[in-house]
Amino acid sequence: MDTKRALDEAQKELRELAVKRAEIDRRIAGLGQIIQGLKTLGETPETDAEAIASPLSGLESSQGFTDAVRHIIRNSSVPLSAMEIRDELEGAGYSGQTPKHTLISVYTVIGRLKNKKEIVEVMKSGKPAYRISPMQIIAEALGI
């Protein structure tokens, strides 16, 4: 009897903690968005409208492929699909043997960045797109 009661109590506590964790995760994501918005508001506006619109602003041609993908996702104001990231890369002079090879490399980098929790996948027009992770925004804001 005591074992059954202990099991029931442990399961109840686990459910309560899972609910609290979900609430905390939502709050963390919200704070990440707030921080990103406030950082954007605090930036000095650029005079070149094209530089503002392009996630390629500040991209160095000497950056490695992974850093270039990371830069494009981080500096985009909207989530980007893998094909949009590929197109941005090709516009900056990064390309494989064919656009298909470049896209394969983009997917490989996206997988690594997702595993490292640097980016998150969201749906855009019913298809996967990628943006910087709210946790990454918070870590950068805190300098960690």
Foldseek 3Di string as FASTA:
>chain_A
DVVVVVVVVVVVVVVVVVVVVVVVVVVLQVVLVVLVVVVVVPDDDDPDPVLLQALCNPPDPPDDPLVLLLSRQASHPDFADLLRSLVSCVVVPDDDPDSVVSSVVSVVSVVVCVVVQQWDWDADPNDTTIHGHSVNSVCVVVVD
